[in-house]
Amino acid sequence: MQLDKPYYSISETAQMFNVNTSLLRYWEKEFTQIKPFKNKKGDRYFTPKDIEIIQIIYNLTKIQGYTLQGAKDELKRAYGKHASQAQAVATLREIREKLIAIRDSL
């Protein structure tokens, strides 16, 4: 996942993971590691670091089937291990999208 901007809106972030914005707000409450910037209106803006943590949480809960508490415990225990796994998953998704685009253009 190529993150070129310093901040991403909650809708942009939700779209990256194909989840609802309400799930991201819920995860923000449950995982203290997610700390989006909020403007005066209360709009959330996520940094690439926040998105990296969300990617790990997504991988643990949606891909590997961890419970929320299990994901919290695992995130605290082995952040570095899961960061590299989440990055690998993101890279594979990008490659898949590119291959699909190439196939569709043929």
C-alpha atoms as a PDB file:
ATOM      1  CA  MET A   1       0.000   0.000   0.000  1.00  0.00           C
ATOM      2  CA  GLN A   2       1.630   3.220  -1.159  1.00  0.00           C
ATOM      3  CA  LEU A   3       0.924   6.057   1.269  1.00  0.00           C
ATOM      4  CA  ASP A   4       1.968   9.359  -0.279  1.00  0.00           C
ATOM      5  CA  LYS A   5       0.017  11.853   1.818  1.00  0.00           C
ATOM      6  CA  PRO A   6       0.649  12.892   5.435  1.00  0.00           C
ATOM      7  CA  TYR A   7      -3.040  12.421   6.373  1.00  0.00           C
ATOM      8  CA  TYR A   8      -5.975  10.357   5.101  1.00  0.00           C
ATOM      9  CA  SER A   9      -9.627  10.971   5.907  1.00  0.00           C
ATOM     10  CA  ILE A  10     -11.619   8.294   7.667  1.00  0.00           C
ATOM     11  CA  SER A  11     -13.515   7.538   4.445  1.00  0.00           C
ATOM     12  CA  GLU A  12     -10.261   7.133   2.479  1.00  0.00           C
ATOM     13  CA  THR A  13      -8.892   4.856   5.183  1.00  0.00           C
ATOM     14  CA  ALA A  14     -12.079   2.779   5.342  1.00  0.00           C
ATOM     15  CA  GLN A  15     -11.984   2.384   1.567  1.00  0.00           C
ATOM     16  CA  MET A  16      -8.387   1.076   1.734  1.00  0.00           C
ATOM     17  CA  PHE A  17      -9.586  -1.857   3.842  1.00  0.00           C
ATOM     18  CA  ASN A  18     -13.110  -2.161   2.452  1.00  0.00           C
ATOM     19  CA  VAL A  19     -14.637  -1.615   5.902  1.00  0.00           C
ATOM     20  CA  ASN A  20     -17.168   0.821   7.345  1.00  0.00           C
ATOM     21  CA  THR A  21     -16.035   4.051   8.955  1.00  0.00           C
ATOM     22  CA  SER A  22     -17.856   2.945  12.111  1.00  0.00           C
ATOM     23  CA  LEU A  23     -15.458  -0.007  12.410  1.00  0.00           C
ATOM     24  CA  LEU A  24     -12.476   2.356  12.300  1.00  0.00           C
ATOM     25  CA  ARG A  25     -14.048   4.536  15.015  1.00  0.00           C
ATOM     26  CA  TYR A  26     -14.636   1.409  17.094  1.00  0.00           C
ATOM     27  CA  TRP A  27     -11.068   0.218  16.631  1.00  0.00           C
ATOM     28  CA  GLU A  28      -9.844   3.686  17.592  1.00  0.00           C
ATOM     29  CA  LYS A  29     -11.646   3.303  20.940  1.00  0.00           C
ATOM     30  CA  GLU A  30     -10.402  -0.245  21.488  1.00  0.00           C
ATOM     31  CA  PHE A  31      -6.761   0.121  20.372  1.00  0.00           C
ATOM     32  CA  THR A  32      -4.827   2.923  22.042  1.00  0.00           C
ATOM     33  CA  GLN A  33      -2.160   2.696  19.324  1.00  0.00           C
ATOM     34  CA  ILE A  34      -4.514   4.357  16.807  1.00  0.00           C
ATOM     35  CA  LYS A  35      -4.395   8.113  17.354  1.00  0.00           C
ATOM     36  CA  PRO A  36      -5.897  10.025  14.432  1.00  0.00           C
ATOM     37  CA  PHE A  37      -5.671  13.792  14.236  1.00  0.00           C
ATOM     38  CA  LYS A  38      -9.060  15.438  14.789  1.00  0.00           C
ATOM     39  CA  ASN A  39      -9.914  18.908  13.530  1.00  0.00           C
ATOM     40  CA  LYS A  40     -12.270  21.321  15.323  1.00  0.00           C
ATOM     41  CA  LYS A  41     -15.284  19.653  13.707  1.00  0.00           C
ATOM     42  CA  GLY A  42     -14.117  16.264  14.981  1.00  0.00           C
ATOM     43  CA  ASP A  43     -13.196  14.875  11.550  1.00  0.00           C
ATOM     44  CA  ARG A  44     -10.569  12.163  11.836  1.00  0.00           C
ATOM     45  CA  TYR A  45      -7.386  12.132   9.773  1.00  0.00           C
ATOM     46  CA  PHE A  46      -5.118   9.110   9.922  1.00  0.00           C
ATOM     47  CA  THR A  47      -1.352   9.203   9.493  1.00  0.00           C
ATOM     48  CA  PRO A  48       0.522   6.490   7.596  1.00  0.00           C
ATOM     49  CA  LYS A  49       1.580   5.134  11.023  1.00  0.00           C
ATOM     50  CA  ASP A  50      -2.091   4.874  12.067  1.00  0.00           C
ATOM     51  CA  ILE A  51      -2.864   3.104   8.807  1.00  0.00           C
ATOM     52  CA  GLU A  52      -0.007   0.665   9.392  1.00  0.00           C
ATOM     53  CA  ILE A  53      -1.495  -0.222  12.786  1.00  0.00           C
ATOM     54  CA  ILE A  54      -4.982  -0.522  11.275  1.00  0.00           C
ATOM     55  CA  GLN A  55      -3.528  -2.848   8.650  1.00  0.00           C
ATOM     56  CA  ILE A  56      -2.111  -5.073  11.407  1.00  0.00           C
ATOM     57  CA  ILE A  57      -5.427  -5.075  13.285  1.00  0.00           C
ATOM     58  CA  TYR A  58      -7.274  -5.864  10.056  1.00  0.00           C
ATOM     59  CA  ASN A  59      -4.885  -8.726   9.330  1.00  0.00           C
ATOM     60  CA  LEU A  60      -5.241 -10.159  12.833  1.00  0.00           C
ATOM     61  CA  THR A  61      -9.037  -9.890  13.069  1.00  0.00           C
ATOM     62  CA  LYS A  62     -10.292 -10.302   9.511  1.00  0.00           C
ATOM     63  CA  ILE A  63      -7.625 -12.565   7.959  1.00  0.00           C
ATOM     64  CA  GLN A  64      -6.262 -14.614  10.860  1.00  0.00           C
ATOM     65  CA  GLY A  65      -9.497 -14.740  12.873  1.00  0.00           C
ATOM     66  CA  TYR A  66      -8.296 -13.305  16.166  1.00  0.00           C
ATOM     67  CA  THR A  67     -10.843 -12.020  18.653  1.00  0.00           C
ATOM     68  CA  LEU A  68     -10.585  -8.346  19.538  1.00  0.00           C
ATOM     69  CA  GLN A  69      -8.897  -9.139  22.855  1.00  0.00           C
ATOM     70  CA  GLY A  70      -6.585 -11.600  21.138  1.00  0.00           C
ATOM     71  CA  ALA A  71      -5.637  -8.958  18.579  1.00  0.00           C
ATOM     72  CA  LYS A  72      -4.939  -6.449  21.386  1.00  0.00           C
ATOM     73  CA  ASP A  73      -2.703  -8.924  23.172  1.00  0.00           C
ATOM     74  CA  GLU A  74      -0.926  -9.960  19.981  1.00  0.00           C
ATOM     75  CA  LEU A  75      -0.392  -6.359  18.882  1.00  0.00           C
ATOM     76  CA  LYS A  76       1.256  -5.550  22.203  1.00  0.00           C
ATOM     77  CA  ARG A  77       3.338  -8.743  22.160  1.00  0.00           C
ATOM     78  CA  ALA A  78       4.693  -8.810  18.655  1.00  0.00           C
ATOM     79  CA  TYR A  79       4.176  -5.475  16.907  1.00  0.00           C
ATOM     80  CA  GLY A  80       7.265  -5.773  14.671  1.00  0.00           C
ATOM     81  CA  LYS A  81       6.442  -9.269  13.430  1.00  0.00           C
ATOM     82  CA  HIS A  82       2.930  -8.277  12.417  1.00  0.00           C
ATOM     83  CA  ALA A  83       4.054  -5.014  10.860  1.00  0.00           C
ATOM     84  CA  SER A  84       6.177  -6.957   8.386  1.00  0.00           C
ATOM     85  CA  GLN A  85       3.360  -9.467   7.752  1.00  0.00           C
ATOM     86  CA  ALA A  86       0.879  -6.644   7.174  1.00  0.00           C
ATOM     87  CA  GLN A  87       3.287  -4.990   4.757  1.00  0.00           C
ATOM     88  CA  ALA A  88       3.688  -8.269   2.878  1.00  0.00           C
ATOM     89  CA  VAL A  89      -0.091  -8.631   2.607  1.00  0.00           C
ATOM     90  CA  ALA A  90      -0.373  -5.058   1.324  1.00  0.00           C
ATOM     91  CA  THR A  91       2.354  -5.660  -1.262  1.00  0.00           C
ATOM     92  CA  LEU A  92       0.651  -8.831  -2.451  1.00  0.00           C
ATOM     93  CA  ARG A  93      -2.651  -6.966  -2.791  1.00  0.00           C
ATOM     94  CA  GLU A  94      -0.952  -4.281  -4.912  1.00  0.00           C
ATOM     95  CA  ILE A  95       0.618  -6.940  -7.137  1.00  0.00           C
ATOM     96  CA  ARG A  96      -2.738  -8.676  -7.501  1.00  0.00           C
ATOM     97  CA  GLU A  97      -4.435  -5.415  -8.514  1.00  0.00           C
ATOM     98  CA  LYS A  98      -1.725  -4.731 -11.104  1.00  0.00           C
ATOM     99  CA  LEU A  99      -2.009  -8.251 -12.521  1.00  0.00           C
ATOM    100  CA  ILE A 100      -5.786  -7.939 -12.778  1.00  0.00           C
ATOM    101  CA  ALA A 101      -5.372  -4.621 -14.586  1.00  0.00           C
ATOM    102  CA  ILE A 102      -2.902  -6.201 -17.018  1.00  0.00           C
ATOM    103  CA  ARG A 103      -5.209  -9.161 -17.600  1.00  0.00           C
ATOM    104  CA  ASP A 104      -8.190  -6.879 -18.201  1.00  0.00           C
ATOM    105  CA  SER A 105      -6.227  -4.807 -20.711  1.00  0.00           C
ATOM    106  CA  LEU A 106      -5.413  -7.867 -22.833  1.00  0.00           C
END
